[in-house]
């Protein structure tokens, strides 16, 4: 027997994170179940096939249906919350080796402004050039103004 893409354990974690089904004031076709849509999403992402080529025999609806559910769940923040829940569970089980962890500004916001441990900069930088005042024309090294006039 094949291994299910959405196990009961995974489904029990995902279910509370999903938004409620939107109301259908005009009726219409019954909605594909969230579990079937998640199965279709995982199938496409794992196999790499185009959404339009999802086999109908899987019972997951069309590829477009699964893609729309993927998009809607992204907007609702389901994937970010699921990532957090899975990491939390792995941490509690002692299955994460934090000695190999790495953080950068893509995962943690870089704070702008002065650091909290010092209130003033260390003074002027060494070896740098000062910008000329805005009211004086710039001069090239030869003494000729940048605009081409000879200096008096």
C-alpha atoms as a PDB file:
ATOM      1  CA  UNK A   1       0.000   0.000   0.000  1.00  0.00           C
ATOM      2  CA  UNK A   2       1.250   3.471  -0.867  1.00  0.00           C
ATOM      3  CA  UNK A   3       2.099   5.952   1.852  1.00  0.00           C
ATOM      4  CA  UNK A   4      -0.467   8.747   2.114  1.00  0.00           C
ATOM      5  CA  UNK A   5       0.808  12.247   1.345  1.00  0.00           C
ATOM      6  CA  UNK A   6      -1.349  13.706   4.133  1.00  0.00           C
ATOM      7  CA  UNK A   7      -1.102  11.436   7.149  1.00  0.00           C
ATOM      8  CA  UNK A   8      -3.572  11.628  10.037  1.00  0.00           C
ATOM      9  CA  UNK A   9      -0.818  13.123  12.196  1.00  0.00           C
ATOM     10  CA  UNK A  10      -0.081  15.886   9.669  1.00  0.00           C
ATOM     11  CA  UNK A  11      -3.786  16.520   9.115  1.00  0.00           C
ATOM     12  CA  UNK A  12      -4.344  16.955  12.869  1.00  0.00           C
ATOM     13  CA  UNK A  13      -1.691  19.717  12.855  1.00  0.00           C
ATOM     14  CA  UNK A  14      -2.972  21.433   9.693  1.00  0.00           C
ATOM     15  CA  UNK A  15      -6.726  21.386  10.432  1.00  0.00           C
ATOM     16  CA  UNK A  16      -6.803  24.089  13.152  1.00  0.00           C
ATOM     17  CA  UNK A  17      -4.721  26.415  10.956  1.00  0.00           C
ATOM     18  CA  UNK A  18      -7.083  26.422   7.979  1.00  0.00           C
ATOM     19  CA  UNK A  19      -9.576  29.250   7.466  1.00  0.00           C
ATOM     20  CA  UNK A  20     -13.288  28.497   7.544  1.00  0.00           C
ATOM     21  CA  UNK A  21     -14.986  27.619   4.274  1.00  0.00           C
ATOM     22  CA  UNK A  22     -16.307  30.778   2.626  1.00  0.00           C
ATOM     23  CA  UNK A  23     -20.107  30.987   2.371  1.00  0.00           C
ATOM     24  CA  UNK A  24     -21.792  30.210  -0.958  1.00  0.00           C
ATOM     25  CA  UNK A  25     -24.816  32.490  -1.240  1.00  0.00           C
ATOM     26  CA  UNK A  26     -25.633  31.204  -4.750  1.00  0.00           C
ATOM     27  CA  UNK A  27     -25.114  27.527  -3.999  1.00  0.00           C
ATOM     28  CA  UNK A  28     -23.092  25.680  -6.616  1.00  0.00           C
ATOM     29  CA  UNK A  29     -20.948  22.608  -6.776  1.00  0.00           C
ATOM     30  CA  UNK A  30     -19.741  21.105  -3.461  1.00  0.00           C
ATOM     31  CA  UNK A  31     -16.288  22.270  -2.491  1.00  0.00           C
ATOM     32  CA  UNK A  32     -13.336  19.857  -2.678  1.00  0.00           C
ATOM     33  CA  UNK A  33     -12.363  18.915   0.878  1.00  0.00           C
ATOM     34  CA  UNK A  34      -9.396  20.698   2.386  1.00  0.00           C
ATOM     35  CA  UNK A  35      -7.606  17.394   2.953  1.00  0.00           C
ATOM     36  CA  UNK A  36      -8.010  16.414  -0.708  1.00  0.00           C
ATOM     37  CA  UNK A  37      -6.776  19.859  -1.798  1.00  0.00           C
ATOM     38  CA  UNK A  38      -3.743  19.563   0.491  1.00  0.00           C
ATOM     39  CA  UNK A  39      -3.021  16.120  -0.968  1.00  0.00           C
ATOM     40  CA  UNK A  40      -3.149  17.608  -4.479  1.00  0.00           C
ATOM     41  CA  UNK A  41      -0.896  20.503  -3.480  1.00  0.00           C
ATOM     42  CA  UNK A  42       1.691  18.173  -1.969  1.00  0.00           C
ATOM     43  CA  UNK A  43       1.511  15.869  -4.992  1.00  0.00           C
ATOM     44  CA  UNK A  44       2.234  18.696  -7.443  1.00  0.00           C
ATOM     45  CA  UNK A  45       4.984  20.173  -5.282  1.00  0.00           C
ATOM     46  CA  UNK A  46       6.692  16.815  -4.752  1.00  0.00           C
ATOM     47  CA  UNK A  47       6.351  15.511  -8.306  1.00  0.00           C
ATOM     48  CA  UNK A  48       7.018  18.785 -10.111  1.00  0.00           C
ATOM     49  CA  UNK A  49       4.267  18.293 -12.673  1.00  0.00           C
ATOM     50  CA  UNK A  50       2.334  21.319 -13.932  1.00  0.00           C
ATOM     51  CA  UNK A  51      -0.894  22.065 -12.073  1.00  0.00           C
ATOM     52  CA  UNK A  52      -2.961  21.381 -15.198  1.00  0.00           C
ATOM     53  CA  UNK A  53      -1.618  17.826 -15.461  1.00  0.00           C
ATOM     54  CA  UNK A  54      -2.790  16.638 -12.038  1.00  0.00           C
ATOM     55  CA  UNK A  55      -4.458  13.236 -12.483  1.00  0.00           C
ATOM     56  CA  UNK A  56      -8.198  13.421 -11.868  1.00  0.00           C
ATOM     57  CA  UNK A  57      -8.078   9.854 -10.507  1.00  0.00           C
ATOM     58  CA  UNK A  58      -6.478  11.205  -7.325  1.00  0.00           C
ATOM     59  CA  UNK A  59      -9.787  12.718  -6.258  1.00  0.00           C
ATOM     60  CA  UNK A  60      -8.199  16.072  -5.401  1.00  0.00           C
ATOM     61  CA  UNK A  61     -10.196  18.166  -7.831  1.00  0.00           C
ATOM     62  CA  UNK A  62      -8.473  19.936 -10.669  1.00  0.00           C
ATOM     63  CA  UNK A  63      -4.979  21.365 -10.537  1.00  0.00           C
ATOM     64  CA  UNK A  64      -6.472  24.860 -10.716  1.00  0.00           C
ATOM     65  CA  UNK A  65      -8.628  24.112  -7.672  1.00  0.00           C
ATOM     66  CA  UNK A  66      -5.573  23.009  -5.699  1.00  0.00           C
ATOM     67  CA  UNK A  67      -3.581  26.007  -6.924  1.00  0.00           C
ATOM     68  CA  UNK A  68      -6.334  28.397  -5.797  1.00  0.00           C
ATOM     69  CA  UNK A  69      -6.455  26.738  -2.383  1.00  0.00           C
ATOM     70  CA  UNK A  70      -2.646  27.046  -2.150  1.00  0.00           C
ATOM     71  CA  UNK A  71      -2.928  30.757  -2.986  1.00  0.00           C
ATOM     72  CA  UNK A  72      -5.801  31.377  -0.551  1.00  0.00           C
ATOM     73  CA  UNK A  73      -3.993  29.597   2.274  1.00  0.00           C
ATOM     74  CA  UNK A  74      -0.854  31.625   1.563  1.00  0.00           C
ATOM     75  CA  UNK A  75      -2.843  34.868   1.869  1.00  0.00           C
ATOM     76  CA  UNK A  76      -4.430  33.575   5.092  1.00  0.00           C
ATOM     77  CA  UNK A  77      -0.979  32.830   6.579  1.00  0.00           C
ATOM     78  CA  UNK A  78      -1.520  29.070   6.857  1.00  0.00           C
ATOM     79  CA  UNK A  79       1.936  28.120   5.579  1.00  0.00           C
ATOM     80  CA  UNK A  80       3.828  30.420   7.945  1.00  0.00           C
ATOM     81  CA  UNK A  81       1.834  29.131  10.924  1.00  0.00           C
ATOM     82  CA  UNK A  82       2.295  25.513   9.801  1.00  0.00           C
ATOM     83  CA  UNK A  83       6.048  26.081   9.517  1.00  0.00           C
ATOM     84  CA  UNK A  84       6.094  27.473  13.056  1.00  0.00           C
ATOM     85  CA  UNK A  85       4.015  24.567  14.434  1.00  0.00           C
ATOM     86  CA  UNK A  86       6.213  21.938  12.782  1.00  0.00           C
ATOM     87  CA  UNK A  87       9.402  23.574  14.040  1.00  0.00           C
ATOM     88  CA  UNK A  88       7.902  23.855  17.524  1.00  0.00           C
ATOM     89  CA  UNK A  89       7.009  20.152  17.522  1.00  0.00           C
ATOM     90  CA  UNK A  90      10.468  19.157  16.318  1.00  0.00           C
ATOM     91  CA  UNK A  91      12.064  21.359  18.984  1.00  0.00           C
ATOM     92  CA  UNK A  92       9.967  19.814  21.775  1.00  0.00           C
ATOM     93  CA  UNK A  93      10.899  16.341  20.516  1.00  0.00           C
ATOM     94  CA  UNK A  94      14.599  17.275  20.540  1.00  0.00           C
ATOM     95  CA  UNK A  95      14.903  16.651  16.807  1.00  0.00           C
ATOM     96  CA  UNK A  96      16.533  19.980  15.846  1.00  0.00           C
ATOM     97  CA  UNK A  97      20.291  20.467  16.040  1.00  0.00           C
ATOM     98  CA  UNK A  98      20.462  24.178  16.920  1.00  0.00           C
ATOM     99  CA  UNK A  99      24.274  24.163  16.679  1.00  0.00           C
ATOM    100  CA  UNK A 100      23.826  24.213  12.903  1.00  0.00           C
ATOM    101  CA  UNK A 101      21.226  27.002  12.871  1.00  0.00           C
ATOM    102  CA  UNK A 102      21.849  30.259  11.033  1.00  0.00           C
ATOM    103  CA  UNK A 103      19.905  33.514  11.076  1.00  0.00           C
ATOM    104  CA  UNK A 104      20.123  36.534   8.856  1.00  0.00           C
ATOM    105  CA  UNK A 105      18.011  39.549   8.012  1.00  0.00           C
ATOM    106  CA  UNK A 106      15.747  37.394   5.858  1.00  0.00           C
ATOM    107  CA  UNK A 107      14.500  35.599   8.967  1.00  0.00           C
ATOM    108  CA  UNK A 108      15.013  38.270  11.645  1.00  0.00           C
ATOM    109  CA  UNK A 109      14.391  41.965  10.995  1.00  0.00           C
ATOM    110  CA  UNK A 110      17.550  44.064  11.038  1.00  0.00           C
ATOM    111  CA  UNK A 111      17.009  47.023  13.342  1.00  0.00           C
ATOM    112  CA  UNK A 112      17.926  50.418  11.963  1.00  0.00           C
ATOM    113  CA  UNK A 113      19.458  53.214  13.967  1.00  0.00           C
ATOM    114  CA  UNK A 114      21.956  53.389  16.791  1.00  0.00           C
ATOM    115  CA  UNK A 115      22.776  50.232  18.713  1.00  0.00           C
ATOM    116  CA  UNK A 116      21.561  50.145  22.293  1.00  0.00           C
ATOM    117  CA  UNK A 117      25.025  49.670  23.821  1.00  0.00           C
ATOM    118  CA  UNK A 118      26.553  52.969  22.691  1.00  0.00           C
ATOM    119  CA  UNK A 119      24.956  56.348  22.293  1.00  0.00           C
ATOM    120  CA  UNK A 120      27.507  58.150  20.065  1.00  0.00           C
ATOM    121  CA  UNK A 121      29.662  57.071  17.163  1.00  0.00           C
ATOM    122  CA  UNK A 122      33.374  56.627  17.839  1.00  0.00           C
ATOM    123  CA  UNK A 123      34.242  59.920  16.125  1.00  0.00           C
ATOM    124  CA  UNK A 124      35.248  60.862  12.585  1.00  0.00           C
ATOM    125  CA  UNK A 125      36.337  58.085  10.304  1.00  0.00           C
ATOM    126  CA  UNK A 126      39.993  57.894   9.449  1.00  0.00           C
ATOM    127  CA  UNK A 127      41.159  58.245   5.860  1.00  0.00           C
ATOM    128  CA  UNK A 128      37.855  59.354   4.387  1.00  0.00           C
ATOM    129  CA  UNK A 129      37.084  62.462   2.326  1.00  0.00           C
ATOM    130  CA  UNK A 130      34.670  65.122   3.419  1.00  0.00           C
ATOM    131  CA  UNK A 131      31.974  66.151   0.981  1.00  0.00           C
ATOM    132  CA  UNK A 132      32.375  69.723  -0.324  1.00  0.00           C
ATOM    133  CA  UNK A 133      29.883  72.298   0.881  1.00  0.00           C
ATOM    134  CA  UNK A 134      26.814  72.546  -1.316  1.00  0.00           C
ATOM    135  CA  UNK A 135      27.408  76.265  -2.117  1.00  0.00           C
ATOM    136  CA  UNK A 136      30.957  75.760  -3.511  1.00  0.00           C
ATOM    137  CA  UNK A 137      31.602  74.310  -6.983  1.00  0.00           C
ATOM    138  CA  UNK A 138      33.553  71.072  -7.043  1.00  0.00           C
ATOM    139  CA  UNK A 139      37.153  71.164  -8.276  1.00  0.00           C
ATOM    140  CA  UNK A 140      39.171  68.530  -9.990  1.00  0.00           C
ATOM    141  CA  UNK A 141      42.653  67.708  -8.655  1.00  0.00           C
ATOM    142  CA  UNK A 142      44.339  69.956 -11.260  1.00  0.00           C
ATOM    143  CA  UNK A 143      42.663  73.110  -9.950  1.00  0.00           C
ATOM    144  CA  UNK A 144      40.202  73.336 -12.857  1.00  0.00           C
ATOM    145  CA  UNK A 145      36.543  73.573 -11.897  1.00  0.00           C
ATOM    146  CA  UNK A 146      34.463  70.569 -12.807  1.00  0.00           C
ATOM    147  CA  UNK A 147      32.461  72.815 -15.117  1.00  0.00           C
ATOM    148  CA  UNK A 148      35.599  73.548 -17.180  1.00  0.00           C
ATOM    149  CA  UNK A 149      36.590  77.059 -15.986  1.00  0.00           C
ATOM    150  CA  UNK A 150      40.140  77.802 -14.833  1.00  0.00           C
ATOM    151  CA  UNK A 151      40.568  78.780 -11.239  1.00  0.00           C
ATOM    152  CA  UNK A 152      41.607  82.416 -10.653  1.00  0.00           C
END
